[in-house]
N, C-alpha and C. Protein backbone atom coordinates (compact mmCIF):
# COMPACT_ATOMS: atom_id res chain seq x y z
N UNK A 1 7.45 -7.60 15.81
CA UNK A 1 7.50 -7.69 14.37
C UNK A 1 6.81 -8.98 13.93
N UNK A 2 5.97 -8.89 12.92
CA UNK A 2 5.26 -10.06 12.41
C UNK A 2 6.15 -10.91 11.52
N UNK A 3 6.06 -12.19 11.64
CA UNK A 3 6.76 -13.10 10.74
C UNK A 3 5.72 -13.64 9.77
N UNK A 4 5.81 -13.25 8.51
CA UNK A 4 4.86 -13.66 7.49
C UNK A 4 5.38 -14.92 6.81
N UNK A 5 4.52 -15.93 6.69
CA UNK A 5 4.90 -17.18 6.05
C UNK A 5 3.96 -17.47 4.88
N UNK A 6 4.39 -18.34 4.00
CA UNK A 6 3.56 -18.70 2.85
C UNK A 6 2.24 -19.34 3.27
N UNK A 7 2.21 -19.99 4.42
CA UNK A 7 0.97 -20.63 4.86
C UNK A 7 -0.11 -19.61 5.23
N UNK A 8 0.26 -18.34 5.41
CA UNK A 8 -0.69 -17.28 5.73
C UNK A 8 -1.32 -16.67 4.48
N UNK A 9 -0.77 -16.94 3.32
CA UNK A 9 -1.25 -16.32 2.08
C UNK A 9 -2.68 -16.75 1.80
N UNK A 10 -3.49 -15.78 1.32
CA UNK A 10 -4.91 -16.05 1.07
C UNK A 10 -5.29 -16.00 -0.41
N UNK A 11 -4.32 -15.85 -1.28
CA UNK A 11 -4.59 -15.85 -2.71
C UNK A 11 -4.88 -14.49 -3.31
N UNK A 12 -5.06 -13.48 -2.48
CA UNK A 12 -5.31 -12.14 -3.02
C UNK A 12 -3.99 -11.55 -3.53
N UNK A 13 -4.09 -10.86 -4.67
CA UNK A 13 -2.94 -10.15 -5.21
C UNK A 13 -3.35 -8.72 -5.50
N UNK A 14 -2.38 -7.83 -5.53
CA UNK A 14 -2.64 -6.41 -5.70
C UNK A 14 -1.66 -5.85 -6.70
N UNK A 15 -2.12 -4.89 -7.49
CA UNK A 15 -1.29 -4.25 -8.49
C UNK A 15 -0.47 -3.16 -7.83
N UNK A 16 0.47 -2.62 -8.55
CA UNK A 16 1.22 -1.49 -8.04
C UNK A 16 2.71 -1.61 -8.31
N UNK A 17 3.43 -0.61 -7.87
CA UNK A 17 4.87 -0.55 -8.10
C UNK A 17 5.61 -1.60 -7.30
N UNK A 18 5.22 -1.78 -6.05
CA UNK A 18 5.87 -2.77 -5.20
C UNK A 18 5.08 -4.07 -5.21
N UNK A 19 5.77 -5.16 -4.99
CA UNK A 19 5.09 -6.46 -4.94
C UNK A 19 4.23 -6.52 -3.68
N UNK A 20 2.99 -6.98 -3.86
CA UNK A 20 2.04 -7.08 -2.75
C UNK A 20 1.29 -8.40 -2.85
N UNK A 21 0.91 -8.93 -1.71
CA UNK A 21 0.06 -10.11 -1.68
C UNK A 21 -0.75 -10.10 -0.39
N UNK A 22 -1.82 -10.87 -0.38
CA UNK A 22 -2.70 -10.91 0.77
C UNK A 22 -2.38 -12.06 1.70
N UNK A 23 -2.61 -11.82 2.99
CA UNK A 23 -2.51 -12.85 4.01
C UNK A 23 -3.71 -12.73 4.94
N UNK A 24 -3.99 -13.79 5.63
CA UNK A 24 -5.04 -13.78 6.66
C UNK A 24 -4.39 -14.15 7.98
N UNK A 25 -4.60 -13.29 8.97
CA UNK A 25 -4.07 -13.52 10.32
C UNK A 25 -5.23 -13.37 11.28
N UNK A 26 -5.50 -14.39 12.06
CA UNK A 26 -6.60 -14.38 13.04
C UNK A 26 -7.91 -13.92 12.39
N UNK A 27 -8.23 -14.52 11.25
CA UNK A 27 -9.48 -14.26 10.53
C UNK A 27 -9.61 -12.84 9.97
N UNK A 28 -8.52 -12.09 9.88
CA UNK A 28 -8.54 -10.75 9.28
C UNK A 28 -7.57 -10.73 8.10
N UNK A 29 -7.98 -10.03 7.03
CA UNK A 29 -7.14 -9.94 5.85
C UNK A 29 -6.20 -8.74 5.93
N UNK A 30 -4.99 -8.94 5.43
CA UNK A 30 -3.95 -7.92 5.41
C UNK A 30 -3.28 -7.90 4.04
N UNK A 31 -2.70 -6.76 3.71
CA UNK A 31 -1.88 -6.61 2.51
C UNK A 31 -0.43 -6.57 2.97
N UNK A 32 0.39 -7.39 2.36
CA UNK A 32 1.82 -7.41 2.65
C UNK A 32 2.53 -6.71 1.49
N UNK A 33 3.23 -5.63 1.81
CA UNK A 33 3.98 -4.88 0.79
C UNK A 33 5.46 -5.17 0.98
N UNK A 34 6.05 -5.68 -0.07
CA UNK A 34 7.48 -5.99 -0.01
C UNK A 34 8.28 -4.75 -0.39
N UNK A 35 9.44 -4.63 0.19
CA UNK A 35 10.31 -3.49 -0.09
C UNK A 35 10.96 -3.59 -1.45
N UNK A 36 11.55 -2.51 -1.86
CA UNK A 36 12.23 -2.46 -3.16
C UNK A 36 13.73 -2.29 -2.97
N UNK A 37 14.23 -2.70 -1.82
CA UNK A 37 15.65 -2.56 -1.55
C UNK A 37 16.02 -1.22 -0.96
N UNK A 38 15.02 -0.38 -0.71
CA UNK A 38 15.27 0.92 -0.12
C UNK A 38 14.57 0.98 1.24
N UNK A 39 14.23 2.15 1.67
CA UNK A 39 13.59 2.33 2.98
C UNK A 39 12.07 2.44 2.89
N UNK A 40 11.47 2.09 1.75
CA UNK A 40 10.04 2.31 1.54
C UNK A 40 9.17 1.60 2.57
N UNK A 41 9.56 0.41 3.00
CA UNK A 41 8.79 -0.33 4.00
C UNK A 41 8.72 0.48 5.29
N UNK A 42 9.85 1.00 5.72
CA UNK A 42 9.91 1.77 6.96
C UNK A 42 9.23 3.13 6.79
N UNK A 43 9.42 3.76 5.63
CA UNK A 43 8.81 5.06 5.36
C UNK A 43 7.29 4.99 5.45
N UNK A 44 6.70 3.94 4.85
CA UNK A 44 5.24 3.81 4.90
C UNK A 44 4.76 3.61 6.33
N UNK A 45 5.44 2.78 7.08
CA UNK A 45 5.04 2.54 8.47
C UNK A 45 5.15 3.81 9.32
N UNK A 46 6.25 4.52 9.18
CA UNK A 46 6.45 5.74 9.96
C UNK A 46 5.43 6.80 9.56
N UNK A 47 5.23 7.00 8.26
CA UNK A 47 4.27 8.01 7.80
C UNK A 47 2.86 7.69 8.27
N UNK A 48 2.46 6.43 8.15
CA UNK A 48 1.13 6.03 8.60
C UNK A 48 0.96 6.28 10.10
N UNK A 49 1.98 5.96 10.86
CA UNK A 49 1.92 6.16 12.32
C UNK A 49 1.82 7.63 12.69
N UNK A 50 2.58 8.47 12.02
CA UNK A 50 2.52 9.92 12.29
C UNK A 50 1.14 10.47 11.93
N UNK A 51 0.65 10.10 10.75
CA UNK A 51 -0.67 10.59 10.31
C UNK A 51 -1.76 10.15 11.27
N UNK A 52 -1.72 8.88 11.68
CA UNK A 52 -2.77 8.32 12.53
C UNK A 52 -2.67 8.83 13.97
N UNK A 53 -1.49 8.74 14.58
CA UNK A 53 -1.38 8.97 16.02
C UNK A 53 -0.98 10.39 16.41
N UNK A 54 -0.31 11.10 15.53
CA UNK A 54 0.10 12.48 15.87
C UNK A 54 -0.81 13.52 15.25
N UNK A 55 -1.26 13.27 14.01
CA UNK A 55 -2.14 14.22 13.35
C UNK A 55 -3.61 13.86 13.51
N UNK A 56 -3.88 12.67 14.03
CA UNK A 56 -5.24 12.18 14.29
C UNK A 56 -6.11 12.17 13.04
N UNK A 57 -5.49 11.79 11.92
CA UNK A 57 -6.20 11.63 10.66
C UNK A 57 -6.34 10.14 10.40
N UNK A 58 -7.56 9.65 10.18
CA UNK A 58 -7.73 8.21 9.93
C UNK A 58 -6.98 7.78 8.67
N UNK A 59 -6.21 6.75 8.78
CA UNK A 59 -5.52 6.15 7.63
C UNK A 59 -5.25 4.69 7.95
N UNK A 60 -4.68 3.99 7.01
CA UNK A 60 -4.45 2.56 7.22
C UNK A 60 -3.44 2.33 8.34
N UNK A 61 -3.70 1.27 9.11
CA UNK A 61 -2.79 0.88 10.18
C UNK A 61 -1.75 -0.05 9.59
N UNK A 62 -0.52 0.12 10.02
CA UNK A 62 0.57 -0.72 9.51
C UNK A 62 1.35 -1.35 10.65
N UNK A 63 2.02 -2.44 10.32
CA UNK A 63 2.98 -3.07 11.21
C UNK A 63 4.16 -3.49 10.37
N UNK A 64 5.31 -3.51 10.98
CA UNK A 64 6.49 -4.03 10.29
C UNK A 64 6.54 -5.53 10.47
N UNK A 65 7.07 -6.20 9.48
CA UNK A 65 7.21 -7.64 9.55
C UNK A 65 8.35 -8.10 8.67
N UNK A 66 8.50 -9.40 8.59
CA UNK A 66 9.49 -9.99 7.70
C UNK A 66 8.82 -11.10 6.90
N UNK A 67 9.29 -11.27 5.69
CA UNK A 67 8.84 -12.35 4.83
C UNK A 67 10.09 -12.92 4.15
N UNK A 68 10.36 -14.16 4.43
CA UNK A 68 11.56 -14.83 3.89
C UNK A 68 12.83 -14.03 4.21
N UNK A 69 12.86 -13.48 5.43
CA UNK A 69 14.04 -12.75 5.90
C UNK A 69 14.14 -11.32 5.44
N UNK A 70 13.17 -10.84 4.67
CA UNK A 70 13.19 -9.47 4.16
C UNK A 70 12.13 -8.63 4.85
N UNK A 71 12.39 -7.33 5.06
CA UNK A 71 11.40 -6.48 5.71
C UNK A 71 10.18 -6.25 4.82
N UNK A 72 9.01 -6.21 5.45
CA UNK A 72 7.75 -5.94 4.76
C UNK A 72 6.91 -5.00 5.62
N UNK A 73 5.98 -4.33 4.97
CA UNK A 73 5.00 -3.51 5.67
C UNK A 73 3.66 -4.24 5.56
N UNK A 74 3.02 -4.47 6.67
CA UNK A 74 1.76 -5.22 6.72
C UNK A 74 0.66 -4.24 7.11
N UNK A 75 -0.37 -4.13 6.25
CA UNK A 75 -1.46 -3.21 6.55
C UNK A 75 -2.80 -3.90 6.43
N UNK A 76 -3.75 -3.43 7.20
CA UNK A 76 -5.09 -4.00 7.13
C UNK A 76 -5.61 -3.84 5.72
N UNK A 77 -6.23 -4.91 5.20
CA UNK A 77 -6.77 -4.87 3.85
C UNK A 77 -8.02 -4.00 3.85
N UNK A 78 -7.91 -2.83 3.25
CA UNK A 78 -9.01 -1.87 3.22
C UNK A 78 -9.82 -1.98 1.94
N UNK A 79 -9.47 -2.92 1.08
CA UNK A 79 -10.20 -3.07 -0.18
C UNK A 79 -11.48 -3.87 0.04
N UNK A 80 -12.42 -3.67 -0.85
CA UNK A 80 -13.67 -4.42 -0.86
C UNK A 80 -13.98 -4.74 -2.32
N UNK A 81 -14.98 -5.55 -2.59
CA UNK A 81 -15.32 -5.81 -4.00
C UNK A 81 -15.63 -4.53 -4.79
N UNK A 82 -16.08 -3.48 -4.12
CA UNK A 82 -16.41 -2.23 -4.82
C UNK A 82 -15.39 -1.13 -4.59
N UNK A 83 -14.40 -1.35 -3.75
CA UNK A 83 -13.36 -0.36 -3.48
C UNK A 83 -12.00 -1.02 -3.60
N UNK A 84 -11.47 -1.00 -4.80
CA UNK A 84 -10.19 -1.65 -5.08
C UNK A 84 -9.02 -0.73 -4.76
N UNK A 85 -7.85 -1.31 -4.75
CA UNK A 85 -6.62 -0.56 -4.58
C UNK A 85 -6.23 -0.02 -5.95
N UNK A 86 -6.24 1.31 -6.11
CA UNK A 86 -5.91 1.92 -7.39
C UNK A 86 -4.44 2.29 -7.41
N UNK A 87 -3.79 1.88 -8.48
CA UNK A 87 -2.37 2.15 -8.61
C UNK A 87 -2.14 3.57 -9.12
N UNK A 88 -0.93 4.04 -8.96
CA UNK A 88 -0.59 5.38 -9.39
C UNK A 88 -0.87 5.56 -10.88
N UNK A 89 -0.60 4.53 -11.69
CA UNK A 89 -0.80 4.67 -13.13
C UNK A 89 -2.27 4.86 -13.49
N UNK A 90 -3.19 4.50 -12.58
CA UNK A 90 -4.62 4.70 -12.82
C UNK A 90 -5.09 6.10 -12.47
N UNK A 91 -4.24 6.87 -11.81
CA UNK A 91 -4.61 8.21 -11.36
C UNK A 91 -4.54 9.18 -12.52
N UNK A 92 -5.60 9.91 -12.72
CA UNK A 92 -5.65 10.92 -13.78
C UNK A 92 -6.06 12.25 -13.15
N UNK A 93 -5.64 13.32 -13.75
CA UNK A 93 -5.99 14.64 -13.26
C UNK A 93 -6.84 15.30 -14.33
N UNK A 94 -7.93 15.91 -13.93
CA UNK A 94 -8.79 16.61 -14.87
C UNK A 94 -9.06 18.01 -14.34
N UNK A 95 -8.89 18.99 -15.20
CA UNK A 95 -9.15 20.37 -14.82
C UNK A 95 -10.10 20.98 -15.84
N UNK A 96 -11.20 21.51 -15.36
CA UNK A 96 -12.16 22.15 -16.26
C UNK A 96 -11.55 23.38 -16.90
N UNK A 97 -11.95 23.63 -18.13
CA UNK A 97 -11.55 24.82 -18.87
C UNK A 97 -10.04 24.97 -19.04
N UNK A 98 -9.32 23.85 -19.08
CA UNK A 98 -7.88 23.91 -19.35
C UNK A 98 -7.54 22.86 -20.38
N UNK A 99 -6.32 22.91 -20.86
CA UNK A 99 -5.88 21.89 -21.79
C UNK A 99 -5.40 20.64 -21.07
N UNK A 100 -5.63 20.58 -19.77
CA UNK A 100 -5.22 19.43 -18.97
C UNK A 100 -6.33 18.40 -18.79
N UNK A 101 -7.45 18.56 -19.48
CA UNK A 101 -8.61 17.70 -19.26
C UNK A 101 -8.30 16.22 -19.40
N UNK A 102 -7.41 15.86 -20.30
CA UNK A 102 -7.11 14.44 -20.50
C UNK A 102 -5.68 14.09 -20.11
N UNK A 103 -5.05 14.91 -19.32
CA UNK A 103 -3.66 14.69 -18.94
C UNK A 103 -3.54 13.52 -17.98
N UNK A 104 -2.67 12.58 -18.32
CA UNK A 104 -2.32 11.50 -17.40
C UNK A 104 -0.91 11.78 -16.91
N UNK A 105 -0.74 11.95 -15.61
CA UNK A 105 0.56 12.26 -15.06
C UNK A 105 1.38 10.99 -14.90
N UNK A 106 2.64 11.10 -15.19
CA UNK A 106 3.59 10.02 -14.93
C UNK A 106 4.27 10.29 -13.60
N UNK A 107 4.96 9.32 -13.10
CA UNK A 107 5.73 9.50 -11.88
C UNK A 107 6.74 10.63 -12.06
N UNK A 108 7.37 10.71 -13.21
CA UNK A 108 8.33 11.78 -13.48
C UNK A 108 7.68 13.15 -13.47
N UNK A 109 6.43 13.26 -13.96
CA UNK A 109 5.71 14.54 -13.92
C UNK A 109 5.56 15.02 -12.48
N UNK A 110 5.22 14.12 -11.59
CA UNK A 110 5.00 14.47 -10.19
C UNK A 110 6.31 14.90 -9.55
N UNK A 111 7.39 14.16 -9.84
CA UNK A 111 8.70 14.52 -9.29
C UNK A 111 9.11 15.91 -9.77
């Protein structure tokens, strides 16, 4: 398990539902996702591992870690200056020839 410290922070920040920040470890950038008091940190790590190693579908690699005594999910920073991390609120659905052309789904809509 990785121990994340403030000295590893690289100044990058990310939008989204959960708190995220960037760190650099051995000259590589990572995104640290903090939990929300539930099992989301573990769920993301397990899901990523199943998708990558059992289903053989390329996806982000994750590791579990701790930050200030709390569990975190650490993933390779896959963003670039032209490929940002898009939050759920930025996701829109468009369907031709329907009244859904401008529909923005909320989290509740998906549930």
